[in-house]
Amino acid sequence: MTYTTDELIKFLGLELRATWGGMRIIFNAEEKLDNPAVAKAINLQKTSRVFVFRDFRQQIHEYQQKNQVSGVIWRTINFQNQTFRCPEVYNQLIAIDGDKEILMDAKTSVLNFWRDVTQGMKYYLSGDKNTLISKDKLELLYQEVEWAELDAGKEEIYLGLCWGNPKEYIYKWANPESGCHRIIATHHEPSNIKI
């Protein structure tokens, strides 16, 4: 029997709690750092916890790939008394073959929800400076990307317009092959939340 996405998430949560609770220890943390000066300057006991969890998570990723267990979860977004379920790759799992298609298939419904709840709002392109973006420019971005993702605060809603490799799109080094434009919709100025 193959474990499900939900079971892998549960295993990751249990392992993270055990690791940070001090129940998992790695004895060669200084070797993993590969820098003796840094190894002497930091708390290796706490650092070893990072390596333990990272190694466990890598095993989960290998299991996903070997057994074709999706990294996609369906998350519920609540904004302005409206609810929407959309797919996203769980932040501790990886996208496998086929996951990108799930994200791409949901693009239209994600954008429809976004358009519905952001009527009358201003749009900002997130980055070093928050730049006001026109609806026309936004419509062009909708066409250029492969999938869309959502998150919401109390007074703001956030849209990710993404392309490329779902395993790499969140990293700046992956640009321009993979990436994501982050858009903030709000009635006021955007908050200082980094998205």
N, C-alpha and C. Protein backbone atom coordinates (compact mmCIF):
# COMPACT_ATOMS: atom_id res chain seq x y z
N MET A 1 0.83 -1.19 0.00
CA MET A 1 0.00 0.00 0.00
C MET A 1 0.88 1.25 0.00
N THR A 2 0.56 2.19 -0.86
CA THR A 2 1.30 3.44 -0.96
C THR A 2 0.68 4.48 -0.03
N TYR A 3 1.54 5.23 0.65
CA TYR A 3 1.05 6.29 1.52
C TYR A 3 0.47 7.42 0.67
N THR A 4 -0.50 8.11 1.22
CA THR A 4 -1.15 9.22 0.52
C THR A 4 -0.43 10.53 0.83
N THR A 5 -0.80 11.56 0.10
CA THR A 5 -0.26 12.90 0.35
C THR A 5 -0.54 13.32 1.79
N ASP A 6 -1.77 13.13 2.25
CA ASP A 6 -2.12 13.50 3.63
C ASP A 6 -1.29 12.74 4.66
N GLU A 7 -1.04 11.46 4.40
CA GLU A 7 -0.22 10.68 5.34
C GLU A 7 1.22 11.17 5.35
N LEU A 8 1.77 11.52 4.19
CA LEU A 8 3.14 12.05 4.15
C LEU A 8 3.23 13.37 4.91
N ILE A 9 2.21 14.22 4.79
CA ILE A 9 2.18 15.48 5.53
C ILE A 9 2.15 15.21 7.03
N LYS A 10 1.37 14.21 7.42
CA LYS A 10 1.29 13.85 8.85
C LYS A 10 2.65 13.35 9.34
N PHE A 11 3.33 12.50 8.54
CA PHE A 11 4.65 12.00 8.92
C PHE A 11 5.65 13.15 9.08
N LEU A 12 5.60 14.10 8.16
CA LEU A 12 6.50 15.26 8.24
C LEU A 12 6.25 16.06 9.51
N GLY A 13 4.97 16.26 9.85
CA GLY A 13 4.63 17.00 11.07
C GLY A 13 5.12 16.29 12.32
N LEU A 14 4.93 14.96 12.38
CA LEU A 14 5.39 14.18 13.53
C LEU A 14 6.91 14.24 13.66
N GLU A 15 7.59 14.11 12.53
CA GLU A 15 9.06 14.14 12.55
C GLU A 15 9.58 15.52 12.95
N LEU A 16 8.93 16.57 12.47
CA LEU A 16 9.35 17.92 12.84
C LEU A 16 9.20 18.14 14.35
N ARG A 17 8.07 17.72 14.90
CA ARG A 17 7.87 17.86 16.36
C ARG A 17 8.91 17.04 17.14
N ALA A 18 9.18 15.83 16.68
CA ALA A 18 10.17 14.98 17.36
C ALA A 18 11.56 15.60 17.28
N THR A 19 11.89 16.13 16.12
CA THR A 19 13.21 16.73 15.93
C THR A 19 13.38 17.94 16.83
N TRP A 20 12.41 18.85 16.81
CA TRP A 20 12.56 20.06 17.63
C TRP A 20 12.33 19.79 19.10
N GLY A 21 11.73 18.65 19.42
CA GLY A 21 11.58 18.26 20.82
C GLY A 21 12.84 17.59 21.36
N GLY A 22 13.87 17.46 20.52
CA GLY A 22 15.14 16.89 20.96
C GLY A 22 15.19 15.38 20.89
N MET A 23 14.20 14.75 20.28
CA MET A 23 14.16 13.29 20.21
C MET A 23 14.94 12.73 19.03
N ARG A 24 15.43 13.60 18.14
CA ARG A 24 16.26 13.17 17.01
C ARG A 24 17.56 13.97 17.05
N ILE A 25 18.66 13.27 16.95
CA ILE A 25 19.96 13.93 17.01
C ILE A 25 20.84 13.37 15.90
N ILE A 26 21.64 14.24 15.32
CA ILE A 26 22.64 13.81 14.34
C ILE A 26 24.00 14.15 14.92
N PHE A 27 24.91 13.21 14.86
CA PHE A 27 26.19 13.40 15.53
C PHE A 27 27.28 13.98 14.63
N ASN A 28 27.03 14.07 13.33
CA ASN A 28 28.05 14.57 12.42
C ASN A 28 27.65 15.90 11.78
N ALA A 29 27.01 16.77 12.55
CA ALA A 29 26.55 18.05 12.01
C ALA A 29 27.72 18.89 11.49
N GLU A 30 28.87 18.83 12.20
CA GLU A 30 30.00 19.64 11.74
C GLU A 30 30.50 19.17 10.38
N GLU A 31 30.39 17.87 10.09
CA GLU A 31 30.79 17.36 8.77
C GLU A 31 29.82 17.84 7.69
N LYS A 32 28.55 17.92 8.02
CA LYS A 32 27.56 18.37 7.05
C LYS A 32 27.71 19.85 6.74
N LEU A 33 28.23 20.63 7.69
CA LEU A 33 28.44 22.06 7.45
C LEU A 33 29.56 22.28 6.45
N ASP A 34 30.55 21.40 6.45
CA ASP A 34 31.67 21.49 5.52
C ASP A 34 32.42 22.82 5.63
N ASN A 35 32.42 23.39 6.84
CA ASN A 35 33.15 24.63 7.08
C ASN A 35 33.52 24.66 8.57
N PRO A 36 34.76 24.31 8.92
CA PRO A 36 35.15 24.22 10.33
C PRO A 36 34.98 25.53 11.11
N ALA A 37 35.21 26.65 10.46
CA ALA A 37 35.08 27.94 11.15
C ALA A 37 33.62 28.19 11.54
N VAL A 38 32.71 27.90 10.62
CA VAL A 38 31.29 28.07 10.92
C VAL A 38 30.86 27.07 11.98
N ALA A 39 31.35 25.84 11.89
CA ALA A 39 30.99 24.80 12.85
C ALA A 39 31.34 25.20 14.29
N LYS A 40 32.45 25.94 14.45
CA LYS A 40 32.85 26.39 15.79
C LYS A 40 32.02 27.58 16.27
N ALA A 41 31.46 28.33 15.34
CA ALA A 41 30.77 29.57 15.70
C ALA A 41 29.29 29.40 16.02
N ILE A 42 28.71 28.27 15.65
CA ILE A 42 27.27 28.12 15.86
C ILE A 42 26.97 26.94 16.80
N ASN A 43 25.76 26.91 17.28
CA ASN A 43 25.30 25.84 18.16
C ASN A 43 25.01 24.60 17.32
N LEU A 44 25.91 23.62 17.36
CA LEU A 44 25.77 22.43 16.53
C LEU A 44 24.61 21.55 16.96
N GLN A 45 24.23 21.60 18.23
CA GLN A 45 23.10 20.79 18.67
C GLN A 45 21.82 21.25 17.97
N LYS A 46 21.61 22.56 17.92
CA LYS A 46 20.43 23.08 17.23
C LYS A 46 20.55 22.89 15.72
N THR A 47 21.74 23.08 15.19
CA THR A 47 21.95 22.91 13.76
C THR A 47 21.70 21.46 13.34
N SER A 48 22.08 20.53 14.20
CA SER A 48 21.88 19.12 13.86
C SER A 48 20.40 18.80 13.67
N ARG A 49 19.54 19.50 14.37
CA ARG A 49 18.09 19.29 14.21
C ARG A 49 17.64 19.65 12.80
N VAL A 50 18.23 20.72 12.26
CA VAL A 50 17.90 21.12 10.89
C VAL A 50 18.29 20.02 9.91
N PHE A 51 19.50 19.47 10.10
CA PHE A 51 19.98 18.42 9.20
C PHE A 51 19.14 17.16 9.32
N VAL A 52 18.75 16.80 10.53
CA VAL A 52 17.92 15.60 10.73
C VAL A 52 16.62 15.74 9.97
N PHE A 53 15.93 16.86 10.14
CA PHE A 53 14.65 17.04 9.46
C PHE A 53 14.85 17.13 7.96
N ARG A 54 15.89 17.83 7.52
CA ARG A 54 16.14 17.95 6.08
C ARG A 54 16.37 16.58 5.45
N ASP A 55 17.13 15.72 6.14
CA ASP A 55 17.39 14.37 5.63
C ASP A 55 16.10 13.55 5.57
N PHE A 56 15.27 13.67 6.60
CA PHE A 56 13.99 12.96 6.61
C PHE A 56 13.10 13.44 5.47
N ARG A 57 13.04 14.76 5.29
CA ARG A 57 12.21 15.33 4.23
C ARG A 57 12.70 14.86 2.85
N GLN A 58 14.01 14.76 2.68
CA GLN A 58 14.56 14.27 1.42
C GLN A 58 14.10 12.83 1.15
N GLN A 59 14.03 12.02 2.19
CA GLN A 59 13.54 10.65 2.04
C GLN A 59 12.07 10.65 1.62
N ILE A 60 11.29 11.56 2.18
CA ILE A 60 9.87 11.68 1.80
C ILE A 60 9.78 12.08 0.33
N HIS A 61 10.61 13.01 -0.12
CA HIS A 61 10.60 13.44 -1.52
C HIS A 61 10.96 12.27 -2.45
N GLU A 62 11.94 11.48 -2.05
CA GLU A 62 12.31 10.31 -2.85
C GLU A 62 11.16 9.32 -2.91
N TYR A 63 10.46 9.15 -1.79
CA TYR A 63 9.30 8.26 -1.75
C TYR A 63 8.21 8.78 -2.69
N GLN A 64 7.97 10.08 -2.66
CA GLN A 64 6.98 10.68 -3.56
C GLN A 64 7.29 10.35 -5.02
N GLN A 65 8.54 10.57 -5.40
CA GLN A 65 8.92 10.34 -6.79
C GLN A 65 8.82 8.86 -7.16
N LYS A 66 9.31 7.99 -6.29
CA LYS A 66 9.30 6.56 -6.57
C LYS A 66 7.88 6.03 -6.70
N ASN A 67 6.98 6.50 -5.82
CA ASN A 67 5.62 5.98 -5.77
C ASN A 67 4.57 6.89 -6.41
N GLN A 68 5.05 7.98 -7.02
CA GLN A 68 4.18 8.94 -7.70
C GLN A 68 3.06 9.45 -6.77
N VAL A 69 3.47 9.93 -5.59
CA VAL A 69 2.53 10.51 -4.62
C VAL A 69 2.55 12.02 -4.81
N SER A 70 1.44 12.58 -5.15
CA SER A 70 1.32 14.00 -5.45
C SER A 70 1.72 14.87 -4.26
N GLY A 71 2.28 16.02 -4.57
CA GLY A 71 2.58 17.02 -3.55
C GLY A 71 1.50 18.08 -3.45
N VAL A 72 0.43 17.92 -4.25
CA VAL A 72 -0.64 18.92 -4.30
C VAL A 72 -1.66 18.68 -3.19
N ILE A 73 -2.02 19.76 -2.52
CA ILE A 73 -3.12 19.75 -1.56
C ILE A 73 -4.16 20.75 -2.04
N TRP A 74 -5.37 20.64 -1.51
CA TRP A 74 -6.44 21.59 -1.82
C TRP A 74 -6.66 22.43 -0.58
N ARG A 75 -6.42 23.72 -0.71
CA ARG A 75 -6.49 24.65 0.41
C ARG A 75 -7.72 25.53 0.27
N THR A 76 -8.36 25.82 1.38
CA THR A 76 -9.54 26.68 1.39
C THR A 76 -9.12 28.11 1.67
N ILE A 77 -9.54 29.02 0.79
CA ILE A 77 -9.28 30.45 0.93
C ILE A 77 -10.59 31.12 1.34
N ASN A 78 -10.54 31.94 2.38
CA ASN A 78 -11.70 32.72 2.80
C ASN A 78 -11.37 34.19 2.65
N PHE A 79 -12.22 34.90 1.91
CA PHE A 79 -12.00 36.32 1.73
C PHE A 79 -13.33 37.00 1.46
N GLN A 80 -13.62 38.05 2.21
CA GLN A 80 -14.85 38.83 2.07
C GLN A 80 -16.09 37.93 2.02
N ASN A 81 -16.19 37.07 3.01
CA ASN A 81 -17.33 36.16 3.17
C ASN A 81 -17.53 35.20 2.00
N GLN A 82 -16.47 34.97 1.24
CA GLN A 82 -16.53 33.98 0.17
C GLN A 82 -15.44 32.94 0.40
N THR A 83 -15.74 31.73 0.02
CA THR A 83 -14.83 30.61 0.21
C THR A 83 -14.49 29.99 -1.13
N PHE A 84 -13.23 29.59 -1.26
CA PHE A 84 -12.77 28.98 -2.51
C PHE A 84 -11.71 27.94 -2.19
N ARG A 85 -11.77 26.80 -2.85
CA ARG A 85 -10.75 25.75 -2.70
C ARG A 85 -9.86 25.73 -3.93
N CYS A 86 -8.56 25.80 -3.68
CA CYS A 86 -7.63 25.80 -4.81
C CYS A 86 -6.44 24.91 -4.51
N PRO A 87 -5.82 24.39 -5.57
CA PRO A 87 -4.67 23.51 -5.37
C PRO A 87 -3.39 24.30 -5.18
N GLU A 88 -2.48 23.71 -4.44
CA GLU A 88 -1.13 24.24 -4.31
C GLU A 88 -0.22 23.10 -3.91
N VAL A 89 1.07 23.24 -4.20
CA VAL A 89 2.03 22.24 -3.76
C VAL A 89 2.33 22.52 -2.29
N TYR A 90 2.14 21.51 -1.45
CA TYR A 90 2.40 21.65 -0.02
C TYR A 90 3.85 22.05 0.20
N ASN A 91 4.09 22.97 1.11
CA ASN A 91 5.42 23.59 1.24
C ASN A 91 6.52 22.65 1.71
N GLN A 92 6.21 21.47 2.21
CA GLN A 92 7.25 20.53 2.62
C GLN A 92 7.35 19.32 1.67
N LEU A 93 6.50 19.30 0.64
CA LEU A 93 6.54 18.24 -0.37
C LEU A 93 7.03 18.81 -1.68
N ILE A 94 7.20 17.96 -2.67
CA ILE A 94 7.61 18.40 -4.00
C ILE A 94 6.52 18.07 -5.01
N ALA A 95 6.53 18.79 -6.10
CA ALA A 95 5.63 18.48 -7.20
C ALA A 95 6.22 17.30 -7.97
N ILE A 96 5.36 16.37 -8.34
CA ILE A 96 5.79 15.23 -9.16
C ILE A 96 5.17 15.39 -10.54
N ASP A 97 5.51 14.48 -11.44
CA ASP A 97 4.91 14.51 -12.78
C ASP A 97 3.39 14.48 -12.64
N GLY A 98 2.72 15.36 -13.32
CA GLY A 98 1.27 15.44 -13.27
C GLY A 98 0.75 16.53 -12.35
N ASP A 99 1.54 16.94 -11.37
CA ASP A 99 1.08 17.99 -10.44
C ASP A 99 0.93 19.33 -11.14
N LYS A 100 1.82 19.63 -12.05
CA LYS A 100 1.73 20.91 -12.77
C LYS A 100 0.42 20.99 -13.54
N GLU A 101 -0.01 19.88 -14.11
CA GLU A 101 -1.27 19.87 -14.86
C GLU A 101 -2.45 20.16 -13.94
N ILE A 102 -2.41 19.67 -12.71
CA ILE A 102 -3.48 19.97 -11.74
C ILE A 102 -3.53 21.47 -11.49
N LEU A 103 -2.36 22.08 -11.29
CA LEU A 103 -2.29 23.53 -11.05
C LEU A 103 -2.79 24.30 -12.27
N MET A 104 -2.38 23.85 -13.46
CA MET A 104 -2.77 24.54 -14.69
C MET A 104 -4.27 24.42 -14.94
N ASP A 105 -4.83 23.26 -14.65
CA ASP A 105 -6.28 23.06 -14.85
C ASP A 105 -7.12 23.97 -13.96
N ALA A 106 -6.58 24.38 -12.83
CA ALA A 106 -7.32 25.23 -11.89
C ALA A 106 -7.15 26.72 -12.17
N LYS A 107 -6.29 27.08 -13.10
CA LYS A 107 -5.97 28.50 -13.34
C LYS A 107 -7.22 29.34 -13.59
N THR A 108 -8.09 28.89 -14.48
CA THR A 108 -9.28 29.68 -14.82
C THR A 108 -10.17 29.90 -13.62
N SER A 109 -10.40 28.87 -12.82
CA SER A 109 -11.28 29.04 -11.65
C SER A 109 -10.63 29.93 -10.60
N VAL A 110 -9.31 29.83 -10.44
CA VAL A 110 -8.60 30.71 -9.49
C VAL A 110 -8.74 32.16 -9.93
N LEU A 111 -8.51 32.42 -11.21
CA LEU A 111 -8.62 33.79 -11.72
C LEU A 111 -10.06 34.31 -11.65
N ASN A 112 -11.03 33.45 -11.88
CA ASN A 112 -12.44 33.88 -11.77
C ASN A 112 -12.77 34.30 -10.34
N PHE A 113 -12.32 33.51 -9.36
CA PHE A 113 -12.54 33.88 -7.95
C PHE A 113 -11.84 35.20 -7.64
N TRP A 114 -10.60 35.34 -8.06
CA TRP A 114 -9.82 36.56 -7.85
C TRP A 114 -10.54 37.77 -8.42
N ARG A 115 -10.98 37.68 -9.67
CA ARG A 115 -11.67 38.80 -10.31
C ARG A 115 -12.95 39.16 -9.55
N ASP A 116 -13.66 38.14 -9.09
CA ASP A 116 -14.92 38.37 -8.38
C ASP A 116 -14.71 39.11 -7.06
N VAL A 117 -13.73 38.67 -6.27
CA VAL A 117 -13.55 39.27 -4.93
C VAL A 117 -12.74 40.54 -4.93
N THR A 118 -12.10 40.88 -6.05
CA THR A 118 -11.25 42.08 -6.06
C THR A 118 -11.87 43.24 -6.82
N GLN A 119 -13.13 43.13 -7.17
CA GLN A 119 -13.77 44.25 -7.88
C GLN A 119 -13.71 45.51 -7.02
N GLY A 120 -13.29 46.59 -7.65
CA GLY A 120 -13.18 47.87 -6.96
C GLY A 120 -11.91 48.05 -6.16
N MET A 121 -11.02 47.08 -6.20
CA MET A 121 -9.76 47.18 -5.45
C MET A 121 -8.64 47.70 -6.36
N LYS A 122 -7.54 48.09 -5.71
CA LYS A 122 -6.33 48.48 -6.44
C LYS A 122 -5.39 47.27 -6.44
N TYR A 123 -4.59 47.19 -7.49
CA TYR A 123 -3.67 46.07 -7.65
C TYR A 123 -2.23 46.57 -7.58
N TYR A 124 -1.41 45.84 -6.84
CA TYR A 124 0.00 46.19 -6.68
C TYR A 124 0.86 45.00 -7.03
N LEU A 125 1.92 45.25 -7.77
CA LEU A 125 2.91 44.24 -8.06
C LEU A 125 3.90 44.23 -6.90
N SER A 126 4.00 43.12 -6.24
CA SER A 126 4.88 43.03 -5.08
C SER A 126 6.33 42.90 -5.53
N GLY A 127 7.22 43.45 -4.77
CA GLY A 127 8.64 43.39 -5.08
C GLY A 127 9.38 44.26 -4.09
N ASP A 128 10.51 44.78 -4.51
CA ASP A 128 11.25 45.67 -3.63
C ASP A 128 10.41 46.89 -3.29
N LYS A 129 9.72 47.42 -4.29
CA LYS A 129 8.77 48.51 -4.08
C LYS A 129 7.42 48.00 -4.55
N ASN A 130 6.39 48.38 -3.84
CA ASN A 130 5.06 47.99 -4.31
C ASN A 130 4.63 48.97 -5.40
N THR A 131 4.42 48.43 -6.57
CA THR A 131 4.09 49.23 -7.74
C THR A 131 2.64 49.00 -8.14
N LEU A 132 1.89 50.08 -8.27
CA LEU A 132 0.50 49.99 -8.72
C LEU A 132 0.49 49.41 -10.13
N ILE A 133 -0.44 48.49 -10.39
CA ILE A 133 -0.50 47.84 -11.69
C ILE A 133 -1.91 48.00 -12.25
N SER A 134 -2.01 48.27 -13.54
CA SER A 134 -3.31 48.50 -14.16
C SER A 134 -4.02 47.16 -14.44
N LYS A 135 -5.33 47.24 -14.60
CA LYS A 135 -6.10 46.03 -14.95
C LYS A 135 -5.66 45.49 -16.31
N ASP A 136 -5.33 46.39 -17.24
CA ASP A 136 -4.89 45.94 -18.56
C ASP A 136 -3.58 45.16 -18.47
N LYS A 137 -2.63 45.67 -17.70
CA LYS A 137 -1.37 44.96 -17.51
C LYS A 137 -1.60 43.62 -16.82
N LEU A 138 -2.51 43.61 -15.85
CA LEU A 138 -2.85 42.39 -15.14
C LEU A 138 -3.43 41.35 -16.08
N GLU A 139 -4.31 41.79 -16.98
CA GLU A 139 -4.90 40.86 -17.96
C GLU A 139 -3.82 40.25 -18.84
N LEU A 140 -2.81 41.04 -19.21
CA LEU A 140 -1.70 40.50 -20.00
C LEU A 140 -0.92 39.45 -19.21
N LEU A 141 -0.69 39.73 -17.92
CA LEU A 141 0.03 38.76 -17.09
C LEU A 141 -0.76 37.46 -16.96
N TYR A 142 -2.09 37.56 -16.85
CA TYR A 142 -2.91 36.35 -16.75
C TYR A 142 -2.64 35.41 -17.93
N GLN A 143 -2.47 35.99 -19.11
CA GLN A 143 -2.28 35.20 -20.32
C GLN A 143 -0.88 34.60 -20.41
N GLU A 144 0.10 35.26 -19.80
CA GLU A 144 1.49 34.83 -19.93
C GLU A 144 1.88 33.68 -19.01
N VAL A 145 1.10 33.43 -17.97
CA VAL A 145 1.51 32.46 -16.96
C VAL A 145 0.79 31.12 -17.15
N GLU A 146 1.32 30.11 -16.47
CA GLU A 146 0.77 28.77 -16.61
C GLU A 146 -0.25 28.39 -15.53
N TRP A 147 -0.06 28.89 -14.33
CA TRP A 147 -1.02 28.62 -13.26
C TRP A 147 -1.06 29.79 -12.30
N ALA A 148 -2.08 29.77 -11.43
CA ALA A 148 -2.27 30.85 -10.47
C ALA A 148 -2.52 30.25 -9.09
N GLU A 149 -2.06 30.97 -8.07
CA GLU A 149 -2.29 30.53 -6.70
C GLU A 149 -2.76 31.71 -5.86
N LEU A 150 -3.45 31.40 -4.77
CA LEU A 150 -4.07 32.44 -3.94
C LEU A 150 -3.67 32.30 -2.48
N ASP A 151 -3.70 33.44 -1.80
CA ASP A 151 -3.64 33.50 -0.34
C ASP A 151 -4.41 34.74 0.06
N ALA A 152 -4.85 34.80 1.30
CA ALA A 152 -5.67 35.94 1.71
C ALA A 152 -5.37 36.35 3.13
N GLY A 153 -5.47 37.66 3.35
CA GLY A 153 -5.42 38.23 4.68
C GLY A 153 -6.81 38.76 5.00
N LYS A 154 -6.89 39.63 6.00
CA LYS A 154 -8.21 40.20 6.34
C LYS A 154 -8.68 41.21 5.31
N GLU A 155 -7.77 42.09 4.89
CA GLU A 155 -8.17 43.17 3.98
C GLU A 155 -7.47 43.10 2.64
N GLU A 156 -6.60 42.12 2.45
CA GLU A 156 -5.86 41.97 1.21
C GLU A 156 -5.98 40.53 0.73
N ILE A 157 -5.90 40.38 -0.58
CA ILE A 157 -5.82 39.04 -1.16
C ILE A 157 -4.62 39.03 -2.10
N TYR A 158 -3.95 37.89 -2.15
CA TYR A 158 -2.68 37.79 -2.87
C TYR A 158 -2.79 36.75 -3.97
N LEU A 159 -2.34 37.13 -5.15
CA LEU A 159 -2.38 36.25 -6.31
C LEU A 159 -0.95 35.99 -6.78
N GLY A 160 -0.63 34.72 -6.97
CA GLY A 160 0.63 34.35 -7.58
C GLY A 160 0.37 33.92 -9.01
N LEU A 161 1.04 34.55 -9.94
CA LEU A 161 0.92 34.20 -11.36
C LEU A 161 2.23 33.51 -11.75
N CYS A 162 2.16 32.19 -11.93
CA CYS A 162 3.37 31.37 -11.92
C CYS A 162 3.60 30.64 -13.24
N TRP A 163 4.86 30.27 -13.47
CA TRP A 163 5.23 29.53 -14.68
C TRP A 163 6.46 28.69 -14.40
N GLY A 164 6.70 27.75 -15.29
CA GLY A 164 7.93 26.97 -15.23
C GLY A 164 7.81 25.69 -14.43
N ASN A 165 8.83 25.41 -13.66
CA ASN A 165 8.93 24.18 -12.89
C ASN A 165 8.33 24.39 -11.50
N PRO A 166 7.27 23.64 -11.15
CA PRO A 166 6.67 23.81 -9.81
C PRO A 166 7.60 23.46 -8.66
N LYS A 167 8.73 22.81 -8.95
CA LYS A 167 9.71 22.51 -7.91
C LYS A 167 10.63 23.70 -7.65
N GLU A 168 10.69 24.65 -8.61
CA GLU A 168 11.67 25.73 -8.52
C GLU A 168 11.11 27.13 -8.59
N TYR A 169 9.85 27.29 -8.95
CA TYR A 169 9.32 28.62 -9.27
C TYR A 169 9.41 29.62 -8.13
N ILE A 170 9.51 29.16 -6.89
CA ILE A 170 9.57 30.09 -5.75
C ILE A 170 10.95 30.69 -5.53
N TYR A 171 11.96 30.16 -6.22
CA TYR A 171 13.33 30.63 -6.04
C TYR A 171 13.70 31.67 -7.09
N LYS A 172 14.32 32.74 -6.64
CA LYS A 172 14.72 33.81 -7.57
C LYS A 172 15.75 33.31 -8.58
N TRP A 173 16.60 32.38 -8.18
CA TRP A 173 17.62 31.88 -9.10
C TRP A 173 17.02 31.14 -10.29
N ALA A 174 15.78 30.69 -10.19
CA ALA A 174 15.15 29.93 -11.28
C ALA A 174 14.64 30.84 -12.40
N ASN A 175 14.55 32.13 -12.13
CA ASN A 175 14.03 33.09 -13.11
C ASN A 175 15.05 33.26 -14.24
N PRO A 176 14.69 33.32 -15.48
CA PRO A 176 13.35 33.51 -16.05
C PRO A 176 12.65 32.21 -16.46
N GLU A 177 13.33 31.05 -16.35
CA GLU A 177 12.69 29.81 -16.77
C GLU A 177 11.48 29.47 -15.89
N SER A 178 11.57 29.77 -14.61
CA SER A 178 10.48 29.53 -13.66
C SER A 178 10.36 30.76 -12.77
N GLY A 179 9.15 31.05 -12.34
CA GLY A 179 8.98 32.20 -11.46
C GLY A 179 7.52 32.45 -11.14
N CYS A 180 7.29 33.56 -10.47
CA CYS A 180 5.93 33.89 -10.05
C CYS A 180 5.84 35.40 -9.81
N HIS A 181 4.89 36.04 -10.48
CA HIS A 181 4.58 37.44 -10.19
C HIS A 181 3.62 37.44 -9.01
N ARG A 182 3.89 38.23 -8.01
CA ARG A 182 3.02 38.32 -6.84
C ARG A 182 2.22 39.61 -6.92
N ILE A 183 0.91 39.48 -6.86
CA ILE A 183 0.00 40.62 -6.96
C ILE A 183 -0.77 40.76 -5.65
N ILE A 184 -0.90 41.99 -5.18
CA ILE A 184 -1.68 42.29 -3.97
C ILE A 184 -2.89 43.10 -4.40
N ALA A 185 -4.07 42.70 -3.95
CA ALA A 185 -5.28 43.49 -4.17
C ALA A 185 -5.76 44.01 -2.83
N THR A 186 -6.03 45.32 -2.78
CA THR A 186 -6.46 45.95 -1.54
C THR A 186 -7.24 47.22 -1.87
N HIS A 187 -8.04 47.67 -0.91
CA HIS A 187 -8.75 48.94 -1.09
C HIS A 187 -7.86 50.11 -0.70
N HIS A 188 -6.82 49.84 0.07
CA HIS A 188 -5.92 50.88 0.58
C HIS A 188 -4.52 50.64 0.04
N GLU A 189 -3.52 51.08 0.78
CA GLU A 189 -2.13 50.77 0.46
C GLU A 189 -1.84 49.36 0.94
N PRO A 190 -0.94 48.63 0.25
CA PRO A 190 -0.61 47.28 0.72
C PRO A 190 0.09 47.32 2.06
N SER A 191 -0.13 46.29 2.85
CA SER A 191 0.55 46.17 4.14
C SER A 191 2.01 45.82 3.89
N ASN A 192 2.76 45.70 4.94
CA ASN A 192 4.17 45.37 4.82
C ASN A 192 4.43 43.87 4.83
N ILE A 193 3.38 43.08 4.64
CA ILE A 193 3.54 41.63 4.60
C ILE A 193 4.33 41.28 3.35
N LYS A 194 5.36 40.47 3.53
CA LYS A 194 6.16 40.02 2.39
C LYS A 194 5.52 38.76 1.82
N ILE A 195 5.19 38.81 0.53
CA ILE A 195 4.58 37.63 -0.09
C ILE A 195 5.49 37.07 -1.16
